[in-house]
């Protein structure tokens, strides 16, 4: 037999859990858009390779005062051009022009 106090406890539990359900539903609604954004343009591995290469070029610049002669030091990443003030790294499908650039689809 269910008592009034048991019903009240169940109602309180339901009211306490309801906001959590709304948060989970709202979070799930935006996930497909995030997946599309990540997949568009430059994939995560290529982005990581270009970012690592850019960090290596910046270390070279700090030591030599130029990007000329630097080596990205990352497989599949080629230094297309480098001079005293700028550079462009490239993979088979993406590039990053720097300094202060962002990985982007396409070539240098």
C-alpha atoms as a PDB file:
ATOM      1  CA  UNK A   1       0.000   0.000   0.000  1.00  0.00           C
ATOM      2  CA  UNK A   2       1.302   3.430  -0.991  1.00  0.00           C
ATOM      3  CA  UNK A   3       1.103   6.145   1.641  1.00  0.00           C
ATOM      4  CA  UNK A   4       0.849   9.887   1.176  1.00  0.00           C
ATOM      5  CA  UNK A   5       4.435  10.381   2.374  1.00  0.00           C
ATOM      6  CA  UNK A   6       5.710   7.875  -0.218  1.00  0.00           C
ATOM      7  CA  UNK A   7       3.834   9.683  -2.993  1.00  0.00           C
ATOM      8  CA  UNK A   8       5.225  13.032  -1.819  1.00  0.00           C
ATOM      9  CA  UNK A   9       8.788  11.645  -1.874  1.00  0.00           C
ATOM     10  CA  UNK A  10       8.319  10.328  -5.407  1.00  0.00           C
ATOM     11  CA  UNK A  11       6.934  13.675  -6.547  1.00  0.00           C
ATOM     12  CA  UNK A  12       9.879  15.539  -4.960  1.00  0.00           C
ATOM     13  CA  UNK A  13      12.347  13.153  -6.657  1.00  0.00           C
ATOM     14  CA  UNK A  14      10.639  13.692 -10.017  1.00  0.00           C
ATOM     15  CA  UNK A  15      10.728  17.484  -9.616  1.00  0.00           C
ATOM     16  CA  UNK A  16      14.423  17.339  -8.659  1.00  0.00           C
ATOM     17  CA  UNK A  17      15.361  15.164 -11.663  1.00  0.00           C
ATOM     18  CA  UNK A  18      13.279  16.993 -14.298  1.00  0.00           C
ATOM     19  CA  UNK A  19      15.741  19.904 -14.812  1.00  0.00           C
ATOM     20  CA  UNK A  20      18.555  17.405 -15.391  1.00  0.00           C
ATOM     21  CA  UNK A  21      16.517  15.801 -18.154  1.00  0.00           C
ATOM     22  CA  UNK A  22      15.978  19.184 -19.805  1.00  0.00           C
ATOM     23  CA  UNK A  23      19.699  19.921 -19.715  1.00  0.00           C
ATOM     24  CA  UNK A  24      20.525  16.572 -21.291  1.00  0.00           C
ATOM     25  CA  UNK A  25      17.966  17.070 -24.041  1.00  0.00           C
ATOM     26  CA  UNK A  26      19.225  20.596 -24.761  1.00  0.00           C
ATOM     27  CA  UNK A  27      22.845  19.402 -24.875  1.00  0.00           C
ATOM     28  CA  UNK A  28      21.949  16.639 -27.293  1.00  0.00           C
ATOM     29  CA  UNK A  29      20.161  19.013 -29.649  1.00  0.00           C
ATOM     30  CA  UNK A  30      23.345  20.913 -30.517  1.00  0.00           C
ATOM     31  CA  UNK A  31      25.701  17.981 -30.876  1.00  0.00           C
ATOM     32  CA  UNK A  32      25.106  17.385 -34.577  1.00  0.00           C
ATOM     33  CA  UNK A  33      26.033  20.994 -35.360  1.00  0.00           C
ATOM     34  CA  UNK A  34      29.290  20.626 -33.444  1.00  0.00           C
ATOM     35  CA  UNK A  35      30.132  17.440 -35.340  1.00  0.00           C
ATOM     36  CA  UNK A  36      29.504  19.221 -38.639  1.00  0.00           C
ATOM     37  CA  UNK A  37      31.746  22.140 -37.630  1.00  0.00           C
ATOM     38  CA  UNK A  38      34.611  19.832 -36.630  1.00  0.00           C
ATOM     39  CA  UNK A  39      34.305  17.853 -39.854  1.00  0.00           C
ATOM     40  CA  UNK A  40      34.147  20.928 -42.070  1.00  0.00           C
ATOM     41  CA  UNK A  41      37.355  22.378 -43.425  1.00  0.00           C
ATOM     42  CA  UNK A  42      40.333  20.801 -41.697  1.00  0.00           C
ATOM     43  CA  UNK A  43      40.245  17.490 -39.825  1.00  0.00           C
ATOM     44  CA  UNK A  44      41.609  17.273 -36.296  1.00  0.00           C
ATOM     45  CA  UNK A  45      44.771  15.325 -37.196  1.00  0.00           C
ATOM     46  CA  UNK A  46      45.764  17.770 -39.932  1.00  0.00           C
ATOM     47  CA  UNK A  47      45.038  20.673 -37.596  1.00  0.00           C
ATOM     48  CA  UNK A  48      47.294  19.109 -34.951  1.00  0.00           C
ATOM     49  CA  UNK A  49      50.091  18.505 -37.470  1.00  0.00           C
ATOM     50  CA  UNK A  50      49.987  22.096 -38.721  1.00  0.00           C
ATOM     51  CA  UNK A  51      49.844  23.476 -35.184  1.00  0.00           C
ATOM     52  CA  UNK A  52      52.879  21.401 -34.150  1.00  0.00           C
ATOM     53  CA  UNK A  53      54.776  22.548 -37.239  1.00  0.00           C
ATOM     54  CA  UNK A  54      53.896  26.168 -36.485  1.00  0.00           C
ATOM     55  CA  UNK A  55      55.203  25.783 -32.924  1.00  0.00           C
ATOM     56  CA  UNK A  56      58.488  24.408 -34.281  1.00  0.00           C
ATOM     57  CA  UNK A  57      58.807  27.347 -36.667  1.00  0.00           C
ATOM     58  CA  UNK A  58      58.208  29.774 -33.834  1.00  0.00           C
ATOM     59  CA  UNK A  59      60.969  28.139 -31.773  1.00  0.00           C
ATOM     60  CA  UNK A  60      63.322  28.527 -34.763  1.00  0.00           C
ATOM     61  CA  UNK A  61      62.349  32.200 -35.067  1.00  0.00           C
ATOM     62  CA  UNK A  62      63.053  32.819 -31.374  1.00  0.00           C
ATOM     63  CA  UNK A  63      66.568  31.403 -31.818  1.00  0.00           C
ATOM     64  CA  UNK A  64      67.426  32.842 -35.273  1.00  0.00           C
ATOM     65  CA  UNK A  65      65.308  35.965 -35.736  1.00  0.00           C
ATOM     66  CA  UNK A  66      63.920  34.639 -39.029  1.00  0.00           C
ATOM     67  CA  UNK A  67      61.740  31.829 -40.299  1.00  0.00           C
ATOM     68  CA  UNK A  68      64.095  31.233 -43.243  1.00  0.00           C
ATOM     69  CA  UNK A  69      65.878  27.894 -42.927  1.00  0.00           C
ATOM     70  CA  UNK A  70      63.369  26.489 -40.434  1.00  0.00           C
ATOM     71  CA  UNK A  71      62.065  22.920 -40.566  1.00  0.00           C
ATOM     72  CA  UNK A  72      58.528  22.108 -39.415  1.00  0.00           C
ATOM     73  CA  UNK A  73      59.776  18.752 -38.110  1.00  0.00           C
ATOM     74  CA  UNK A  74      56.395  17.058 -38.571  1.00  0.00           C
ATOM     75  CA  UNK A  75      55.779  14.229 -41.052  1.00  0.00           C
ATOM     76  CA  UNK A  76      53.384  15.167 -43.875  1.00  0.00           C
ATOM     77  CA  UNK A  77      53.905  18.903 -43.279  1.00  0.00           C
ATOM     78  CA  UNK A  78      55.955  20.873 -45.803  1.00  0.00           C
ATOM     79  CA  UNK A  79      57.327  24.374 -45.415  1.00  0.00           C
ATOM     80  CA  UNK A  80      56.279  26.031 -48.695  1.00  0.00           C
ATOM     81  CA  UNK A  81      57.786  29.438 -47.997  1.00  0.00           C
ATOM     82  CA  UNK A  82      59.565  31.179 -45.145  1.00  0.00           C
ATOM     83  CA  UNK A  83      61.299  34.535 -44.810  1.00  0.00           C
ATOM     84  CA  UNK A  84      62.149  36.983 -42.056  1.00  0.00           C
ATOM     85  CA  UNK A  85      58.548  37.707 -41.117  1.00  0.00           C
ATOM     86  CA  UNK A  86      56.194  34.989 -42.369  1.00  0.00           C
ATOM     87  CA  UNK A  87      55.778  31.396 -43.508  1.00  0.00           C
ATOM     88  CA  UNK A  88      53.286  28.954 -44.973  1.00  0.00           C
ATOM     89  CA  UNK A  89      53.012  25.296 -43.988  1.00  0.00           C
ATOM     90  CA  UNK A  90      51.092  22.829 -46.113  1.00  0.00           C
ATOM     91  CA  UNK A  91      49.759  19.266 -46.005  1.00  0.00           C
ATOM     92  CA  UNK A  92      48.096  17.462 -48.893  1.00  0.00           C
ATOM     93  CA  UNK A  93      44.769  19.228 -48.258  1.00  0.00           C
ATOM     94  CA  UNK A  94      45.328  22.136 -45.860  1.00  0.00           C
ATOM     95  CA  UNK A  95      47.690  24.954 -44.991  1.00  0.00           C
ATOM     96  CA  UNK A  96      48.528  27.464 -42.293  1.00  0.00           C
ATOM     97  CA  UNK A  97      50.036  30.871 -43.022  1.00  0.00           C
ATOM     98  CA  UNK A  98      51.755  32.511 -40.127  1.00  0.00           C
ATOM     99  CA  UNK A  99      52.622  33.662 -37.737  1.00  0.00           C
ATOM    100  CA  UNK A 100      49.203  34.000 -36.055  1.00  0.00           C
ATOM    101  CA  UNK A 101      47.399  32.024 -38.766  1.00  0.00           C
ATOM    102  CA  UNK A 102      44.821  29.278 -38.442  1.00  0.00           C
ATOM    103  CA  UNK A 103      44.772  25.957 -40.273  1.00  0.00           C
ATOM    104  CA  UNK A 104      42.577  26.275 -43.371  1.00  0.00           C
ATOM    105  CA  UNK A 105      41.513  24.010 -46.203  1.00  0.00           C
ATOM    106  CA  UNK A 106      43.403  24.331 -49.464  1.00  0.00           C
ATOM    107  CA  UNK A 107      46.985  24.997 -50.409  1.00  0.00           C
ATOM    108  CA  UNK A 108      49.322  27.903 -49.628  1.00  0.00           C
END
